[in-house]
């Protein structure tokens, strides 16, 4: 974990526990190339060190592929998914449509391939599988970012549900698991705000309940970059050498506007001070 992870985890924990809610732990370890058991153990150890607990047994996504397969096939039976044979270069070609933020939208080139063309391409490469999104605007009210809306066709495009190596995509897995775990509120970083409309739409298509969302602002380094794993000095393993857990939590609580001045504090001691209307709405520079 790095400091940005701690920030999101702390606020999610406070949001749940301050109203007597439950907190579930999910290890999103779908990618076998990047996720190892020792990484999951380290995350749980870090949370325990910080004083953040959870209810019930952790859920490992790597052990729930059958549930994702069932949801995938339900969508497939309705004709909503199709194989995509595009290479990375084709997806990122200059001719591809782009969103307002500059990110490439999928062009849809494989959506209407004839059966013969699909068969010929399948003989040469294993496809990924995309879901065909409609010309539909998904709107919701975020607890921090306010009213949000996204036109799926124009601003999102057909997105991947299963990779060519067989790994199910984040968007599908979290929708299935939020329903399975009874999640009623999702609190996470604002870098995932763009994912919420896709997930709300998938929930509707799969007949699953809609949780409410609260996307917290990101912590930025002094040069304006969001904190990431590449910032080794922001990793919790490094921070433990400089601070106690209450000292770290106190600094984050002050940045969140939950306490008027810095003081070491535990998450449990911070519960009476939590309120959504105190939290900042926009990303900001944070220095320890």
Protein backbone atom coordinates (compact mmCIF):
# COMPACT_ATOMS: atom_id res chain seq x y z
CA UNK A 1 0.00 0.00 0.00
CA UNK A 2 1.05 3.58 -0.58
CA UNK A 3 -0.23 6.74 1.01
CA UNK A 4 -2.97 7.20 -1.58
CA UNK A 5 -4.31 3.70 -0.83
CA UNK A 6 -4.28 4.50 2.88
CA UNK A 7 -6.22 7.70 2.28
CA UNK A 8 -8.99 5.90 0.36
CA UNK A 9 -9.12 2.96 2.77
CA UNK A 10 -9.34 5.23 5.81
CA UNK A 11 -12.21 7.28 4.38
CA UNK A 12 -14.09 4.17 3.23
CA UNK A 13 -13.69 2.63 6.70
CA UNK A 14 -14.83 5.82 8.45
CA UNK A 15 -17.84 6.18 6.14
CA UNK A 16 -19.02 2.67 6.99
CA UNK A 17 -18.16 2.46 10.68
CA UNK A 18 -19.40 5.96 11.56
CA UNK A 19 -22.99 4.87 10.81
CA UNK A 20 -22.64 1.37 12.22
CA UNK A 21 -22.16 -0.21 8.82
CA UNK A 22 -20.17 -3.28 7.93
CA UNK A 23 -16.85 -3.24 6.10
CA UNK A 24 -15.92 -5.99 3.65
CA UNK A 25 -12.48 -6.81 2.30
CA UNK A 26 -11.98 -7.90 -1.29
CA UNK A 27 -8.60 -8.82 -2.76
CA UNK A 28 -8.79 -7.92 -6.44
CA UNK A 29 -6.12 -10.38 -7.51
CA UNK A 30 -7.42 -11.26 -10.96
CA UNK A 31 -4.18 -10.61 -12.85
CA UNK A 32 -1.91 -13.63 -12.30
CA UNK A 33 1.13 -11.76 -13.63
CA UNK A 34 0.86 -8.94 -11.08
CA UNK A 35 -0.81 -10.48 -8.04
CA UNK A 36 0.83 -12.91 -5.64
CA UNK A 37 -0.45 -14.37 -2.35
CA UNK A 38 2.24 -12.56 -0.37
CA UNK A 39 0.99 -9.22 -1.72
CA UNK A 40 -2.51 -9.97 -0.38
CA UNK A 41 -1.05 -10.94 2.99
CA UNK A 42 0.90 -7.69 3.09
CA UNK A 43 -2.23 -5.62 2.37
CA UNK A 44 -4.08 -7.29 5.23
CA UNK A 45 -1.11 -6.79 7.54
CA UNK A 46 -0.93 -3.10 6.61
CA UNK A 47 -4.64 -2.59 7.28
CA UNK A 48 -4.31 -4.29 10.65
CA UNK A 49 -1.31 -2.12 11.56
CA UNK A 50 -3.30 1.00 10.73
CA UNK A 51 -6.26 -0.07 12.86
CA UNK A 52 -8.67 -0.75 9.96
CA UNK A 53 -10.68 -3.93 10.46
CA UNK A 54 -13.30 -5.72 8.33
CA UNK A 55 -16.22 -8.09 8.75
CA UNK A 56 -16.22 -11.72 7.67
CA UNK A 57 -13.69 -13.52 5.54
CA UNK A 58 -11.82 -11.71 2.75
CA UNK A 59 -12.97 -12.42 -0.80
CA UNK A 60 -10.29 -13.35 -3.35
CA UNK A 61 -11.39 -12.60 -6.89
CA UNK A 62 -9.00 -15.21 -8.27
CA UNK A 63 -11.23 -17.85 -6.64
CA UNK A 64 -14.51 -16.53 -8.09
CA UNK A 65 -14.06 -17.02 -11.83
CA UNK A 66 -17.15 -19.26 -12.03
CA UNK A 67 -19.34 -16.39 -10.82
CA UNK A 68 -17.86 -14.04 -13.43
CA UNK A 69 -18.27 -16.69 -16.13
CA UNK A 70 -21.97 -17.02 -15.28
CA UNK A 71 -22.50 -13.26 -15.59
CA UNK A 72 -20.50 -13.17 -18.83
CA UNK A 73 -22.56 -15.97 -20.39
CA UNK A 74 -25.81 -14.29 -19.32
CA UNK A 75 -24.76 -11.23 -21.32
CA UNK A 76 -23.46 -13.37 -24.16
CA UNK A 77 -26.80 -15.18 -24.49
CA UNK A 78 -28.46 -11.81 -25.06
CA UNK A 79 -26.06 -11.01 -27.89
CA UNK A 80 -24.37 -8.18 -26.00
CA UNK A 81 -20.77 -9.43 -26.21
CA UNK A 82 -18.54 -10.03 -29.21
CA UNK A 83 -14.94 -11.13 -29.86
CA UNK A 84 -12.33 -8.45 -30.49
CA UNK A 85 -9.17 -9.31 -32.43
CA UNK A 86 -7.62 -5.84 -32.48
CA UNK A 87 -3.98 -5.38 -31.55
CA UNK A 88 -2.87 -2.69 -29.15
CA UNK A 89 -1.55 -0.65 -32.10
CA UNK A 90 -4.94 -0.83 -33.80
CA UNK A 91 -6.77 0.21 -30.66
CA UNK A 92 -4.51 3.21 -30.14
CA UNK A 93 -4.27 4.27 -33.80
CA UNK A 94 -4.46 7.99 -34.47
CA UNK A 95 -7.64 7.40 -36.47
CA UNK A 96 -9.42 5.98 -33.43
CA UNK A 97 -12.00 8.22 -31.72
CA UNK A 98 -10.89 9.90 -28.52
CA UNK A 99 -12.66 11.12 -25.41
CA UNK A 100 -12.54 14.69 -24.20
CA UNK A 101 -9.70 13.76 -21.82
CA UNK A 102 -7.61 12.40 -24.70
CA UNK A 103 -8.07 8.71 -23.93
CA UNK A 104 -8.75 6.48 -26.93
CA UNK A 105 -12.25 5.09 -27.43
CA UNK A 106 -12.60 1.70 -29.04
CA UNK A 107 -13.55 2.19 -32.67
CA UNK A 108 -15.94 -0.76 -32.79
CA UNK A 109 -14.13 -2.30 -35.75
CA UNK A 110 -14.80 -5.89 -34.61
CA UNK A 111 -18.43 -5.34 -33.61
CA UNK A 112 -19.94 -6.13 -36.99
CA UNK A 113 -17.51 -8.69 -38.37
CA UNK A 114 -19.12 -11.33 -40.56
CA UNK A 115 -19.09 -14.91 -39.19
CA UNK A 116 -16.56 -15.94 -41.83
CA UNK A 117 -14.20 -13.11 -40.87
CA UNK A 118 -14.48 -14.01 -37.19
CA UNK A 119 -13.70 -17.65 -37.93
CA UNK A 120 -10.65 -16.70 -40.00
CA UNK A 121 -9.32 -14.35 -37.30
CA UNK A 122 -10.00 -16.92 -34.56
CA UNK A 123 -7.72 -19.35 -36.36
CA UNK A 124 -4.85 -16.87 -35.99
CA UNK A 125 -5.33 -15.35 -32.54
CA UNK A 126 -7.37 -15.68 -29.36
CA UNK A 127 -9.77 -12.75 -29.02
CA UNK A 128 -10.70 -10.57 -26.11
CA UNK A 129 -14.43 -10.10 -25.56
CA UNK A 130 -16.17 -6.73 -25.47
CA UNK A 131 -19.67 -5.67 -24.52
CA UNK A 132 -21.64 -3.52 -26.91
CA UNK A 133 -22.84 -0.39 -25.15
CA UNK A 134 -25.95 1.52 -26.26
CA UNK A 135 -26.39 5.16 -27.10
CA UNK A 136 -27.46 5.79 -23.52
CA UNK A 137 -26.59 8.38 -20.89
CA UNK A 138 -26.08 7.01 -17.39
CA UNK A 139 -26.60 9.58 -14.62
CA UNK A 140 -26.01 9.33 -10.90
CA UNK A 141 -25.31 11.53 -7.90
CA UNK A 142 -21.95 10.98 -6.26
CA UNK A 143 -21.63 11.75 -2.54
CA UNK A 144 -18.62 13.99 -3.18
CA UNK A 145 -18.51 14.79 -6.89
CA UNK A 146 -22.20 15.68 -7.20
CA UNK A 147 -24.26 15.05 -10.34
CA UNK A 148 -22.40 12.94 -12.88
CA UNK A 149 -23.43 11.71 -16.32
CA UNK A 150 -21.77 9.77 -19.13
CA UNK A 151 -22.98 8.82 -22.59
CA UNK A 152 -21.76 5.25 -22.90
CA UNK A 153 -21.37 5.20 -26.67
CA UNK A 154 -19.72 8.61 -27.01
CA UNK A 155 -17.63 8.77 -23.82
CA UNK A 156 -16.94 5.16 -22.91
CA UNK A 157 -17.23 2.89 -25.94
CA UNK A 158 -17.47 -0.89 -26.02
CA UNK A 159 -15.28 -2.13 -23.19
CA UNK A 160 -13.58 -5.43 -22.45
CA UNK A 161 -15.26 -8.01 -20.22
CA UNK A 162 -12.76 -10.83 -20.72
CA UNK A 163 -9.16 -10.54 -21.87
CA UNK A 164 -7.61 -12.72 -24.52
CA UNK A 165 -5.81 -14.71 -21.80
CA UNK A 166 -9.18 -15.59 -20.23
CA UNK A 167 -8.93 -13.19 -17.27
CA UNK A 168 -12.23 -11.44 -16.52
CA UNK A 169 -12.05 -7.67 -16.47
CA UNK A 170 -12.30 -5.45 -13.41
CA UNK A 171 -15.58 -3.87 -14.53
CA UNK A 172 -17.45 -7.17 -14.62
CA UNK A 173 -15.81 -8.70 -11.54
CA UNK A 174 -16.54 -5.80 -9.19
CA UNK A 175 -20.18 -5.59 -10.27
CA UNK A 176 -20.69 -9.28 -9.57
CA UNK A 177 -18.82 -9.11 -6.26
CA UNK A 178 -20.51 -5.93 -5.01
CA UNK A 179 -23.84 -7.75 -5.32
CA UNK A 180 -22.46 -10.97 -3.82
CA UNK A 181 -21.03 -9.14 -0.80
CA UNK A 182 -24.10 -6.97 -0.27
CA UNK A 183 -22.21 -3.73 -0.85
CA UNK A 184 -24.49 -0.71 -0.49
CA UNK A 185 -21.83 2.02 -0.62
CA UNK A 186 -18.63 2.18 -2.66
CA UNK A 187 -15.99 4.67 -1.47
CA UNK A 188 -12.88 4.91 -3.67
CA UNK A 189 -10.55 7.33 -5.44
CA UNK A 190 -11.83 9.81 -8.01
CA UNK A 191 -9.62 8.17 -10.64
CA UNK A 192 -12.36 5.51 -10.79
CA UNK A 193 -15.23 7.97 -11.21
CA UNK A 194 -15.26 7.20 -14.94
CA UNK A 195 -15.94 3.52 -14.16
CA UNK A 196 -19.15 4.15 -12.23
CA UNK A 197 -21.45 4.62 -15.28
CA UNK A 198 -20.21 1.35 -16.81
CA UNK A 199 -20.79 -0.47 -13.56
CA UNK A 200 -24.24 1.03 -13.05
CA UNK A 201 -25.20 -0.04 -16.57
CA UNK A 202 -23.85 -3.57 -16.05
CA UNK A 203 -25.77 -3.78 -12.78
CA UNK A 204 -28.96 -2.91 -14.63
CA UNK A 205 -28.31 -5.41 -17.42
CA UNK A 206 -27.58 -8.18 -14.92
CA UNK A 207 -30.51 -7.33 -12.65
CA UNK A 208 -28.27 -6.40 -9.72
CA UNK A 209 -28.81 -3.66 -7.10
CA UNK A 210 -27.16 -0.26 -7.39
CA UNK A 211 -24.89 0.83 -4.53
CA UNK A 212 -24.28 4.53 -3.92
CA UNK A 213 -20.88 5.95 -4.78
CA UNK A 214 -18.50 8.37 -3.12
CA UNK A 215 -15.33 9.17 -5.08
CA UNK A 216 -12.76 10.83 -2.84
CA UNK A 217 -10.16 13.26 -4.22
CA UNK A 218 -6.67 12.04 -4.96
CA UNK A 219 -3.54 13.01 -3.08
CA UNK A 220 -1.02 14.70 -5.36
CA UNK A 221 2.74 15.02 -5.02
CA UNK A 222 4.24 18.55 -5.01
CA UNK A 223 4.83 18.33 -8.79
CA UNK A 224 1.14 17.64 -9.39
CA UNK A 225 1.33 13.88 -10.01
CA UNK A 226 -1.06 11.60 -8.19
CA UNK A 227 0.63 9.36 -5.65
CA UNK A 228 1.42 5.94 -7.10
CA UNK A 229 3.41 2.81 -6.36
CA UNK A 230 6.36 4.25 -8.25
CA UNK A 231 6.75 6.82 -5.44
CA UNK A 232 8.68 4.47 -3.21
CA UNK A 233 9.00 6.99 -0.38
CA UNK A 234 5.19 7.00 -0.13
CA UNK A 235 4.94 3.23 0.34
CA UNK A 236 3.69 2.18 3.74
CA UNK A 237 6.75 0.00 4.29
CA UNK A 238 8.87 3.17 4.09
CA UNK A 239 6.44 5.33 6.05
CA UNK A 240 6.40 2.87 8.95
CA UNK A 241 10.05 3.75 9.54
CA UNK A 242 9.15 7.43 10.03
CA UNK A 243 5.70 7.45 11.60
CA UNK A 244 3.47 5.50 13.94
CA UNK A 245 0.02 4.55 12.68
CA UNK A 246 -1.73 7.27 14.75
CA UNK A 247 0.71 9.88 13.39
CA UNK A 248 -0.11 8.93 9.79
CA UNK A 249 -3.84 8.81 10.45
CA UNK A 250 -3.66 12.20 12.19
CA UNK A 251 -2.02 13.82 9.18
CA UNK A 252 -4.59 12.37 6.81
CA UNK A 253 -7.45 13.35 9.13
CA UNK A 254 -6.24 16.96 9.11
CA UNK A 255 -6.00 16.91 5.30
CA UNK A 256 -9.55 15.54 5.15
CA UNK A 257 -10.83 18.42 7.28
CA UNK A 258 -12.00 16.05 10.02
CA UNK A 259 -9.93 17.60 12.82
CA UNK A 260 -9.02 21.29 13.27
CA UNK A 261 -5.34 20.74 14.03
CA UNK A 262 -2.85 17.93 13.80
CA UNK A 263 -2.77 15.32 16.55
CA UNK A 264 -1.98 11.60 16.46
CA UNK A 265 -5.25 9.68 16.41
CA UNK A 266 -6.50 6.17 15.70
CA UNK A 267 -9.25 5.43 13.17
CA UNK A 268 -11.57 4.39 16.01
CA UNK A 269 -10.97 7.69 17.83
CA UNK A 270 -11.68 9.54 14.57
CA UNK A 271 -15.17 8.08 14.08
CA UNK A 272 -17.11 10.84 15.90
CA UNK A 273 -15.49 13.46 13.66
CA UNK A 274 -16.39 11.93 10.31
CA UNK A 275 -18.86 13.76 8.07
CA UNK A 276 -19.15 13.77 4.29
CA UNK A 277 -19.61 17.54 4.12
CA UNK A 278 -16.19 18.11 5.72
CA UNK A 279 -14.27 16.28 3.00
CA UNK A 280 -12.51 18.07 0.12
CA UNK A 281 -14.03 17.62 -3.33
CA UNK A 282 -10.99 18.10 -5.58
CA UNK A 283 -7.53 16.52 -5.80
CA UNK A 284 -4.92 18.36 -3.76
CA UNK A 285 -1.20 18.42 -3.02
CA UNK A 286 -0.35 16.56 0.15
CA UNK A 287 3.00 16.62 1.90
CA UNK A 288 3.88 14.82 5.11
